[in-house]
């Protein structure tokens, strides 16, 4: 019984720690990277007032 307890307790605690780390809101927020407010892809259709001269 004590062997199973000493085996499972650290693994359960590590799983809880990983679970809590993965669900943090600031995990994907890196201030050194540029803001992602700009669209990933540019529009294929140019704006009507732009000229390709």
PDB file of N, CA and C in Angstrom:
ATOM      1  N   UNK A   1       0.831  -1.197   0.000  1.00  0.00           N
ATOM      2  CA  UNK A   1       0.000   0.000   0.000  1.00  0.00           C
ATOM      3  C   UNK A   1       0.873   1.258   0.000  1.00  0.00           C
ATOM      4  N   UNK A   2       1.877   1.292   0.858  1.00  0.00           N
ATOM      5  CA  UNK A   2       2.715   2.478   0.952  1.00  0.00           C
ATOM      6  C   UNK A   2       3.543   2.663  -0.316  1.00  0.00           C
ATOM      7  N   UNK A   3       3.896   1.581  -0.999  1.00  0.00           N
ATOM      8  CA  UNK A   3       4.656   1.698  -2.245  1.00  0.00           C
ATOM      9  C   UNK A   3       3.815   2.342  -3.340  1.00  0.00           C
ATOM     10  N   UNK A   4       2.560   1.969  -3.421  1.00  0.00           N
ATOM     11  CA  UNK A   4       1.676   2.578  -4.420  1.00  0.00           C
ATOM     12  C   UNK A   4       1.455   4.051  -4.108  1.00  0.00           C
ATOM     13  N   UNK A   5       1.310   4.355  -2.828  1.00  0.00           N
ATOM     14  CA  UNK A   5       1.112   5.746  -2.430  1.00  0.00           C
ATOM     15  C   UNK A   5       2.326   6.591  -2.791  1.00  0.00           C
ATOM     16  N   UNK A   6       3.520   6.103  -2.519  1.00  0.00           N
ATOM     17  CA  UNK A   6       4.731   6.868  -2.826  1.00  0.00           C
ATOM     18  C   UNK A   6       4.989   6.945  -4.324  1.00  0.00           C
ATOM     19  N   UNK A   7       4.422   6.053  -5.083  1.00  0.00           N
ATOM     20  CA  UNK A   7       4.560   6.098  -6.533  1.00  0.00           C
ATOM     21  C   UNK A   7       3.538   7.050  -7.152  1.00  0.00           C
ATOM     22  N   UNK A   8       2.300   7.005  -6.691  1.00  0.00           N
ATOM     23  CA  UNK A   8       1.236   7.795  -7.304  1.00  0.00           C
ATOM     24  C   UNK A   8       1.214   9.244  -6.840  1.00  0.00           C
ATOM     25  N   UNK A   9       1.561   9.504  -5.598  1.00  0.00           N
ATOM     26  CA  UNK A   9       1.474  10.867  -5.083  1.00  0.00           C
ATOM     27  C   UNK A   9       2.336  11.861  -5.874  1.00  0.00           C
ATOM     28  N   UNK A  10       3.615  11.610  -6.127  1.00  0.00           N
ATOM     29  CA  UNK A  10       4.392  12.590  -6.907  1.00  0.00           C
ATOM     30  C   UNK A  10       3.873  12.749  -8.332  1.00  0.00           C
ATOM     31  N   UNK A  11       3.407  11.671  -8.937  1.00  0.00           N
ATOM     32  CA  UNK A  11       2.893  11.762 -10.305  1.00  0.00           C
ATOM     33  C   UNK A  11       1.590  12.556 -10.350  1.00  0.00           C
ATOM     34  N   UNK A  12       0.748  12.374  -9.383  1.00  0.00           N
ATOM     35  CA  UNK A  12      -0.500  13.134  -9.338  1.00  0.00           C
ATOM     36  C   UNK A  12      -0.199  14.607  -9.098  1.00  0.00           C
ATOM     37  N   UNK A  13       0.742  14.897  -8.217  1.00  0.00           N
ATOM     38  CA  UNK A  13       1.101  16.292  -7.965  1.00  0.00           C
ATOM     39  C   UNK A  13       1.726  16.941  -9.193  1.00  0.00           C
ATOM     40  N   UNK A  14       2.559  16.213  -9.921  1.00  0.00           N
ATOM     41  CA  UNK A  14       3.141  16.759 -11.155  1.00  0.00           C
ATOM     42  C   UNK A  14       2.065  16.975 -12.212  1.00  0.00           C
ATOM     43  N   UNK A  15       1.102  16.062 -12.300  1.00  0.00           N
ATOM     44  CA  UNK A  15       0.015  16.227 -13.268  1.00  0.00           C
ATOM     45  C   UNK A  15      -0.820  17.458 -12.937  1.00  0.00           C
ATOM     46  N   UNK A  16      -1.074  17.688 -11.653  1.00  0.00           N
ATOM     47  CA  UNK A  16      -1.826  18.885 -11.251  1.00  0.00           C
ATOM     48  C   UNK A  16      -1.036  20.140 -11.577  1.00  0.00           C
ATOM     49  N   UNK A  17       0.274  20.119 -11.349  1.00  0.00           N
ATOM     50  CA  UNK A  17       1.111  21.288 -11.658  1.00  0.00           C
ATOM     51  C   UNK A  17       1.111  21.578 -13.153  1.00  0.00           C
ATOM     52  N   UNK A  18       1.243  20.556 -13.978  1.00  0.00           N
ATOM     53  CA  UNK A  18       1.216  20.743 -15.430  1.00  0.00           C
ATOM     54  C   UNK A  18      -0.138  21.255 -15.873  1.00  0.00           C
ATOM     55  N   UNK A  19      -1.203  20.712 -15.318  1.00  0.00           N
ATOM     56  CA  UNK A  19      -2.568  21.139 -15.653  1.00  0.00           C
ATOM     57  C   UNK A  19      -2.746  22.620 -15.334  1.00  0.00           C
ATOM     58  N   UNK A  20      -2.278  23.039 -14.167  1.00  0.00           N
ATOM     59  CA  UNK A  20      -2.422  24.438 -13.781  1.00  0.00           C
ATOM     60  C   UNK A  20      -1.562  25.350 -14.654  1.00  0.00           C
ATOM     61  N   UNK A  21      -0.364  24.898 -15.035  1.00  0.00           N
ATOM     62  CA  UNK A  21       0.494  25.713 -15.896  1.00  0.00           C
ATOM     63  C   UNK A  21      -0.091  25.873 -17.292  1.00  0.00           C
ATOM     64  N   UNK A  22      -0.683  24.815 -17.820  1.00  0.00           N
ATOM     65  CA  UNK A  22      -1.229  24.878 -19.178  1.00  0.00           C
ATOM     66  C   UNK A  22      -2.491  25.728 -19.259  1.00  0.00           C
ATOM     67  N   UNK A  23      -3.162  25.924 -18.161  1.00  0.00           N
ATOM     68  CA  UNK A  23      -4.396  26.702 -18.181  1.00  0.00           C
ATOM     69  C   UNK A  23      -4.214  28.130 -17.681  1.00  0.00           C
ATOM     70  N   UNK A  24      -2.975  28.592 -17.655  1.00  0.00           N
ATOM     71  CA  UNK A  24      -2.719  29.981 -17.284  1.00  0.00           C
ATOM     72  C   UNK A  24      -3.053  30.889 -18.460  1.00  0.00           C
ATOM     73  N   UNK A  25      -3.637  32.051 -18.169  1.00  0.00           N
ATOM     74  CA  UNK A  25      -4.002  32.992 -19.229  1.00  0.00           C
ATOM     75  C   UNK A  25      -2.791  33.656 -19.855  1.00  0.00           C
ATOM     76  N   UNK A  26      -1.744  33.856 -19.084  1.00  0.00           N
ATOM     77  CA  UNK A  26      -0.581  34.562 -19.613  1.00  0.00           C
ATOM     78  C   UNK A  26       0.445  33.619 -20.240  1.00  0.00           C
ATOM     79  N   UNK A  27       0.096  32.379 -20.467  1.00  0.00           N
ATOM     80  CA  UNK A  27       1.040  31.428 -21.039  1.00  0.00           C
ATOM     81  C   UNK A  27       1.430  31.810 -22.465  1.00  0.00           C
ATOM     82  N   UNK A  28       0.466  32.272 -23.250  1.00  0.00           N
ATOM     83  CA  UNK A  28       0.730  32.626 -24.643  1.00  0.00           C
ATOM     84  C   UNK A  28       1.032  34.107 -24.831  1.00  0.00           C
ATOM     85  N   UNK A  29       1.140  34.857 -23.768  1.00  0.00           N
ATOM     86  CA  UNK A  29       1.371  36.294 -23.857  1.00  0.00           C
ATOM     87  C   UNK A  29       2.845  36.580 -23.607  1.00  0.00           C
ATOM     88  N   UNK A  30       3.587  36.839 -24.680  1.00  0.00           N
ATOM     89  CA  UNK A  30       5.004  37.154 -24.574  1.00  0.00           C
ATOM     90  C   UNK A  30       5.191  38.621 -24.940  1.00  0.00           C
ATOM     91  N   UNK A  31       5.572  39.461 -23.980  1.00  0.00           N
ATOM     92  CA  UNK A  31       5.683  40.885 -24.278  1.00  0.00           C
ATOM     93  C   UNK A  31       6.807  41.221 -25.258  1.00  0.00           C
ATOM     94  N   UNK A  32       7.763  40.341 -25.462  1.00  0.00           N
ATOM     95  CA  UNK A  32       8.850  40.640 -26.391  1.00  0.00           C
ATOM     96  C   UNK A  32       8.453  40.406 -27.845  1.00  0.00           C
ATOM     97  N   UNK A  33       7.343  39.711 -28.076  1.00  0.00           N
ATOM     98  CA  UNK A  33       6.871  39.477 -29.441  1.00  0.00           C
ATOM     99  C   UNK A  33       5.950  40.609 -29.881  1.00  0.00           C
ATOM    100  N   UNK A  34       5.856  40.861 -31.198  1.00  0.00           N
ATOM    101  CA  UNK A  34       4.933  41.905 -31.655  1.00  0.00           C
ATOM    102  C   UNK A  34       3.485  41.494 -31.396  1.00  0.00           C
ATOM    103  N   UNK A  35       2.638  42.473 -31.359  1.00  0.00           N
ATOM    104  CA  UNK A  35       1.224  42.228 -31.085  1.00  0.00           C
ATOM    105  C   UNK A  35       0.591  41.426 -32.219  1.00  0.00           C
ATOM    106  N   UNK A  36      -0.358  40.588 -31.883  1.00  0.00           N
ATOM    107  CA  UNK A  36      -1.042  39.780 -32.893  1.00  0.00           C
ATOM    108  C   UNK A  36      -2.373  40.393 -33.311  1.00  0.00           C
ATOM    109  N   UNK A  37      -2.511  41.685 -33.145  1.00  0.00           N
ATOM    110  CA  UNK A  37      -3.754  42.344 -33.533  1.00  0.00           C
ATOM    111  C   UNK A  37      -3.874  42.450 -35.047  1.00  0.00           C
ATOM    112  N   UNK A  38      -2.759  42.456 -35.743  1.00  0.00           N
ATOM    113  CA  UNK A  38      -2.782  42.504 -37.203  1.00  0.00           C
ATOM    114  C   UNK A  38      -3.198  41.136 -37.742  1.00  0.00           C
ATOM    115  N   UNK A  39      -3.922  41.101 -38.838  1.00  0.00           N
ATOM    116  CA  UNK A  39      -4.322  39.801 -39.393  1.00  0.00           C
ATOM    117  C   UNK A  39      -3.110  38.996 -39.852  1.00  0.00           C
ATOM    118  N   UNK A  40      -3.218  37.697 -39.774  1.00  0.00           N
ATOM    119  CA  UNK A  40      -2.110  36.818 -40.150  1.00  0.00           C
ATOM    120  C   UNK A  40      -1.840  36.887 -41.644  1.00  0.00           C
ATOM    121  N   UNK A  41      -2.898  36.832 -42.420  1.00  0.00           N
ATOM    122  CA  UNK A  41      -2.754  36.908 -43.875  1.00  0.00           C
ATOM    123  C   UNK A  41      -3.230  38.266 -44.365  1.00  0.00           C
ATOM    124  N   UNK A  42      -2.589  38.741 -45.408  1.00  0.00           N
ATOM    125  CA  UNK A  42      -3.045  39.993 -45.999  1.00  0.00           C
ATOM    126  C   UNK A  42      -4.181  39.704 -46.968  1.00  0.00           C
ATOM    127  N   UNK A  43      -5.004  40.697 -47.176  1.00  0.00           N
ATOM    128  CA  UNK A  43      -6.143  40.544 -48.072  1.00  0.00           C
ATOM    129  C   UNK A  43      -5.666  40.378 -49.513  1.00  0.00           C
ATOM    130  N   UNK A  44      -6.305  39.512 -50.247  1.00  0.00           N
ATOM    131  CA  UNK A  44      -5.936  39.310 -51.665  1.00  0.00           C
ATOM    132  C   UNK A  44      -6.426  40.449 -52.536  1.00  0.00           C
ATOM    133  N   UNK A  45      -7.569  41.014 -52.182  1.00  0.00           N
ATOM    134  CA  UNK A  45      -8.130  42.102 -52.961  1.00  0.00           C
ATOM    135  C   UNK A  45      -7.578  43.429 -52.439  1.00  0.00           C
ATOM    136  N   UNK A  46      -6.860  44.178 -53.271  1.00  0.00           N
ATOM    137  CA  UNK A  46      -6.341  45.459 -52.799  1.00  0.00           C
ATOM    138  C   UNK A  46      -7.486  46.453 -52.583  1.00  0.00           C
ATOM    139  N   UNK A  47      -7.225  47.444 -51.778  1.00  0.00           N
ATOM    140  CA  UNK A  47      -8.224  48.465 -51.517  1.00  0.00           C
ATOM    141  C   UNK A  47      -8.495  49.232 -52.814  1.00  0.00           C
ATOM    142  N   UNK A  48      -9.728  49.708 -53.030  1.00  0.00           N
ATOM    143  CA  UNK A  48     -10.055  50.391 -54.290  1.00  0.00           C
ATOM    144  C   UNK A  48      -9.288  51.698 -54.499  1.00  0.00           C
ATOM    145  N   UNK A  49      -8.841  52.364 -53.441  1.00  0.00           N
ATOM    146  CA  UNK A  49      -8.138  53.621 -53.626  1.00  0.00           C
ATOM    147  C   UNK A  49      -6.638  53.454 -53.802  1.00  0.00           C
ATOM    148  N   UNK A  50      -6.130  52.230 -53.704  1.00  0.00           N
ATOM    149  CA  UNK A  50      -4.688  52.035 -53.861  1.00  0.00           C
ATOM    150  C   UNK A  50      -4.340  51.829 -55.334  1.00  0.00           C
ATOM    151  N   UNK A  51      -3.150  52.229 -55.702  1.00  0.00           N
ATOM    152  CA  UNK A  51      -2.707  52.052 -57.086  1.00  0.00           C
ATOM    153  C   UNK A  51      -1.461  51.217 -57.102  1.00  0.00           C
ATOM    154  N   UNK A  52      -1.314  50.343 -58.100  1.00  0.00           N
ATOM    155  CA  UNK A  52      -0.163  49.450 -58.223  1.00  0.00           C
ATOM    156  C   UNK A  52       0.802  49.991 -59.272  1.00  0.00           C
ATOM    157  N   UNK A  53       1.127  51.276 -59.231  1.00  0.00           N
ATOM    158  CA  UNK A  53       1.981  51.901 -60.236  1.00  0.00           C
ATOM    159  C   UNK A  53       3.398  51.620 -60.041  1.00  0.00           C
TER     160      UNK A  53
END
